[in-house]
N, C-alpha and C. Protein backbone atom coordinates (compact mmCIF):
# COMPACT_ATOMS: atom_id res chain seq x y z
N MET A 1 -6.21 -5.20 4.82
CA MET A 1 -7.41 -6.09 5.08
C MET A 1 -8.55 -5.21 4.85
N VAL A 2 -9.58 -5.70 4.25
CA VAL A 2 -10.88 -5.03 4.02
C VAL A 2 -12.03 -5.80 4.81
N ILE A 3 -12.62 -4.91 5.50
CA ILE A 3 -13.74 -5.72 6.41
C ILE A 3 -14.96 -5.47 5.67
N PRO A 4 -15.72 -6.56 5.22
CA PRO A 4 -16.77 -6.47 4.42
C PRO A 4 -17.94 -5.76 5.25
N ARG A 5 -18.62 -4.78 4.43
CA ARG A 5 -19.61 -4.00 4.98
C ARG A 5 -20.98 -4.26 4.23
N ASP A 6 -21.32 -5.40 3.93
CA ASP A 6 -22.27 -5.93 2.86
C ASP A 6 -23.76 -5.27 3.50
N VAL A 7 -24.02 -5.47 4.67
CA VAL A 7 -25.08 -5.16 5.43
C VAL A 7 -25.47 -3.79 5.07
N TYR A 8 -24.48 -2.82 5.42
CA TYR A 8 -24.70 -1.38 5.38
C TYR A 8 -24.66 -0.88 3.83
N LEU A 9 -23.94 -1.46 2.99
CA LEU A 9 -23.81 -1.27 1.75
C LEU A 9 -25.04 -1.47 1.08
N ASN A 10 -25.52 -2.74 1.26
CA ASN A 10 -27.07 -3.18 0.75
C ASN A 10 -28.05 -2.24 1.22
N ARG A 11 -28.26 -1.72 2.41
CA ARG A 11 -29.12 -0.79 2.91
C ARG A 11 -29.08 0.39 2.13
N PHE A 12 -27.94 0.82 2.00
CA PHE A 12 -27.50 2.15 1.29
C PHE A 12 -28.04 1.96 -0.19
N ILE A 13 -27.68 0.92 -0.93
CA ILE A 13 -28.20 0.74 -2.22
C ILE A 13 -29.64 0.78 -2.41
N SER A 14 -30.26 -0.06 -1.35
CA SER A 14 -31.64 -0.34 -1.45
C SER A 14 -32.45 1.17 -1.27
N ARG A 15 -31.79 2.05 -0.68
CA ARG A 15 -32.51 3.32 -0.57
C ARG A 15 -31.96 4.33 -1.41
N MET A 16 -31.29 3.98 -2.40
CA MET A 16 -30.56 4.94 -3.36
C MET A 16 -31.65 5.93 -4.00
N HIS A 17 -32.48 5.34 -4.42
CA HIS A 17 -33.40 6.10 -5.55
C HIS A 17 -34.87 6.53 -4.76
N ASN A 18 -34.78 6.64 -3.54
CA ASN A 18 -36.18 7.18 -2.65
C ASN A 18 -36.26 8.67 -2.67
N GLY A 19 -35.37 9.43 -3.35
CA GLY A 19 -35.33 10.82 -3.19
C GLY A 19 -34.95 11.48 -1.85
N MET A 20 -34.47 10.74 -0.92
CA MET A 20 -34.08 11.27 0.45
C MET A 20 -32.76 11.38 0.38
N ILE A 21 -32.36 12.60 1.32
CA ILE A 21 -30.85 12.73 1.44
C ILE A 21 -30.35 11.71 2.34
N LYS A 22 -29.26 11.01 2.11
CA LYS A 22 -28.67 10.09 2.99
C LYS A 22 -27.69 10.74 4.09
N ILE A 23 -27.86 10.20 5.19
CA ILE A 23 -26.90 10.82 6.29
C ILE A 23 -26.29 9.39 6.97
N ILE A 24 -24.91 9.55 6.86
CA ILE A 24 -24.29 8.17 7.52
C ILE A 24 -23.54 8.58 8.42
N THR A 25 -23.87 8.23 9.79
CA THR A 25 -23.04 8.62 10.98
C THR A 25 -22.45 7.36 11.69
N GLY A 26 -21.61 7.88 12.65
CA GLY A 26 -20.79 6.65 13.41
C GLY A 26 -19.85 7.45 14.03
N ILE A 27 -19.21 6.58 14.72
CA ILE A 27 -17.95 7.14 15.69
C ILE A 27 -16.77 7.27 14.66
N ARG A 28 -15.94 7.95 15.18
CA ARG A 28 -14.83 8.35 14.40
C ARG A 28 -14.02 7.03 13.86
N ARG A 29 -13.54 7.02 12.80
CA ARG A 29 -12.71 5.89 12.20
C ARG A 29 -13.46 4.66 12.30
N SER A 30 -14.74 4.73 11.89
CA SER A 30 -15.55 3.46 11.89
C SER A 30 -15.79 2.99 10.54
N GLY A 31 -15.46 3.80 9.39
CA GLY A 31 -15.44 3.33 8.24
C GLY A 31 -16.67 4.06 7.21
N LYS A 32 -16.93 5.03 7.74
CA LYS A 32 -18.18 6.00 6.95
C LYS A 32 -17.65 6.34 5.61
N LEU A 33 -16.32 6.94 5.55
CA LEU A 33 -15.80 7.54 4.29
C LEU A 33 -15.66 6.23 3.46
N PHE A 34 -15.04 4.99 4.12
CA PHE A 34 -14.66 3.99 3.26
C PHE A 34 -15.89 3.37 2.53
N LEU A 35 -16.80 3.42 3.27
CA LEU A 35 -18.14 2.90 2.85
C LEU A 35 -18.75 3.68 1.53
N LEU A 36 -18.60 4.93 1.72
CA LEU A 36 -18.84 5.85 0.53
C LEU A 36 -18.11 5.91 -0.57
N PHE A 37 -16.76 6.22 -0.04
CA PHE A 37 -15.71 6.54 -1.31
C PHE A 37 -14.96 5.27 -2.00
N LYS A 38 -15.18 4.22 -1.13
CA LYS A 38 -14.55 3.07 -1.87
C LYS A 38 -15.83 1.90 -2.16
N LEU A 39 -16.38 1.48 -1.18
CA LEU A 39 -17.45 0.36 -1.72
C LEU A 39 -18.54 0.95 -2.43
N PHE A 40 -19.32 2.05 -2.32
CA PHE A 40 -20.35 2.64 -2.92
C PHE A 40 -19.73 3.17 -4.30
N TYR A 41 -18.82 3.60 -4.26
CA TYR A 41 -18.10 4.21 -5.43
C TYR A 41 -17.80 3.00 -6.55
N GLU A 42 -17.30 1.93 -6.06
CA GLU A 42 -17.02 0.83 -6.77
C GLU A 42 -18.61 0.32 -7.29
N TYR A 43 -19.53 0.11 -6.39
CA TYR A 43 -20.81 -0.16 -6.97
C TYR A 43 -21.39 0.60 -8.06
N LEU A 44 -21.09 1.91 -7.81
CA LEU A 44 -21.70 2.87 -8.94
C LEU A 44 -21.07 2.56 -10.21
N LEU A 45 -19.57 2.33 -10.34
CA LEU A 45 -18.89 2.12 -11.45
C LEU A 45 -19.44 0.76 -11.97
N SER A 46 -19.75 -0.27 -11.02
CA SER A 46 -20.24 -1.60 -11.63
C SER A 46 -21.58 -1.45 -12.22
N ILE A 47 -22.40 -0.43 -12.13
CA ILE A 47 -23.62 -0.45 -12.81
C ILE A 47 -23.57 0.54 -13.79
N SER A 48 -22.23 0.99 -14.48
CA SER A 48 -22.25 1.77 -15.49
C SER A 48 -22.28 3.16 -15.42
N VAL A 49 -22.14 3.70 -14.10
CA VAL A 49 -22.18 5.15 -13.81
C VAL A 49 -20.68 5.55 -14.06
N ARG A 50 -20.38 6.72 -15.04
CA ARG A 50 -19.15 6.81 -15.41
C ARG A 50 -18.47 7.91 -14.08
N ASP A 51 -17.03 7.77 -14.03
CA ASP A 51 -16.50 8.32 -13.02
C ASP A 51 -16.66 9.93 -13.08
N GLU A 52 -16.97 10.57 -14.22
CA GLU A 52 -17.15 11.92 -14.40
C GLU A 52 -18.68 12.36 -13.78
N GLN A 53 -19.36 11.44 -13.56
CA GLN A 53 -20.82 11.60 -13.15
C GLN A 53 -20.76 11.52 -11.51
N ILE A 54 -19.72 11.13 -10.86
CA ILE A 54 -19.45 10.80 -9.57
C ILE A 54 -18.97 12.08 -8.59
N ILE A 55 -19.43 12.72 -7.89
CA ILE A 55 -18.72 13.97 -7.12
C ILE A 55 -18.58 13.42 -5.68
N LYS A 56 -17.15 13.56 -5.34
CA LYS A 56 -17.07 13.26 -3.94
C LYS A 56 -16.61 14.38 -3.26
N ILE A 57 -17.28 14.65 -2.15
CA ILE A 57 -16.85 15.64 -1.29
C ILE A 57 -16.69 15.32 0.20
N SER A 58 -15.66 15.44 0.84
CA SER A 58 -15.57 15.23 2.19
C SER A 58 -15.70 16.48 3.08
N PHE A 59 -16.57 16.65 4.14
CA PHE A 59 -16.74 17.98 4.77
C PHE A 59 -15.48 18.38 5.46
N PRO A 60 -14.56 17.60 5.88
CA PRO A 60 -13.16 18.12 6.26
C PRO A 60 -12.34 18.76 5.12
N ASP A 61 -12.79 18.63 3.95
CA ASP A 61 -12.08 19.15 2.95
C ASP A 61 -12.74 20.44 2.37
N ARG A 62 -13.87 21.11 3.03
CA ARG A 62 -14.35 22.17 2.69
C ARG A 62 -13.35 23.43 2.73
N GLU A 63 -12.37 23.41 3.56
CA GLU A 63 -11.35 24.51 3.63
C GLU A 63 -10.66 24.51 2.34
N LYS A 64 -10.34 23.21 1.67
CA LYS A 64 -9.72 23.26 0.45
C LYS A 64 -10.66 23.98 -0.68
N LEU A 65 -11.83 23.72 -0.46
CA LEU A 65 -12.86 24.32 -1.52
C LEU A 65 -13.16 25.83 -1.52
N GLY A 66 -12.59 26.40 -0.18
CA GLY A 66 -13.11 27.73 -0.13
C GLY A 66 -14.31 28.02 0.45
N VAL A 67 -14.98 26.87 0.81
CA VAL A 67 -16.43 27.01 1.52
C VAL A 67 -16.46 27.60 2.89
C-alpha cells in the first residue's frame, strides 16, 4: 500500500530549481527516503531525466562508499 504524499512531493518539485540545497527531515520511518528515492525519482524519469543522470546516496550507506 502506497500512501500518497502529493503535498510534500509538489512542494519539493516547486522548489527544485531555486538553487538551494534541500533538506528533508522527519521522524524515523516517516517516508523521507520513499519520497526521494521512489516518488521524486519517478517524477524525474517522467520529465525525461535519464536514469544515468540521477545519483542516489543514502547517508547510512556512506560506510559502503568508504566515506
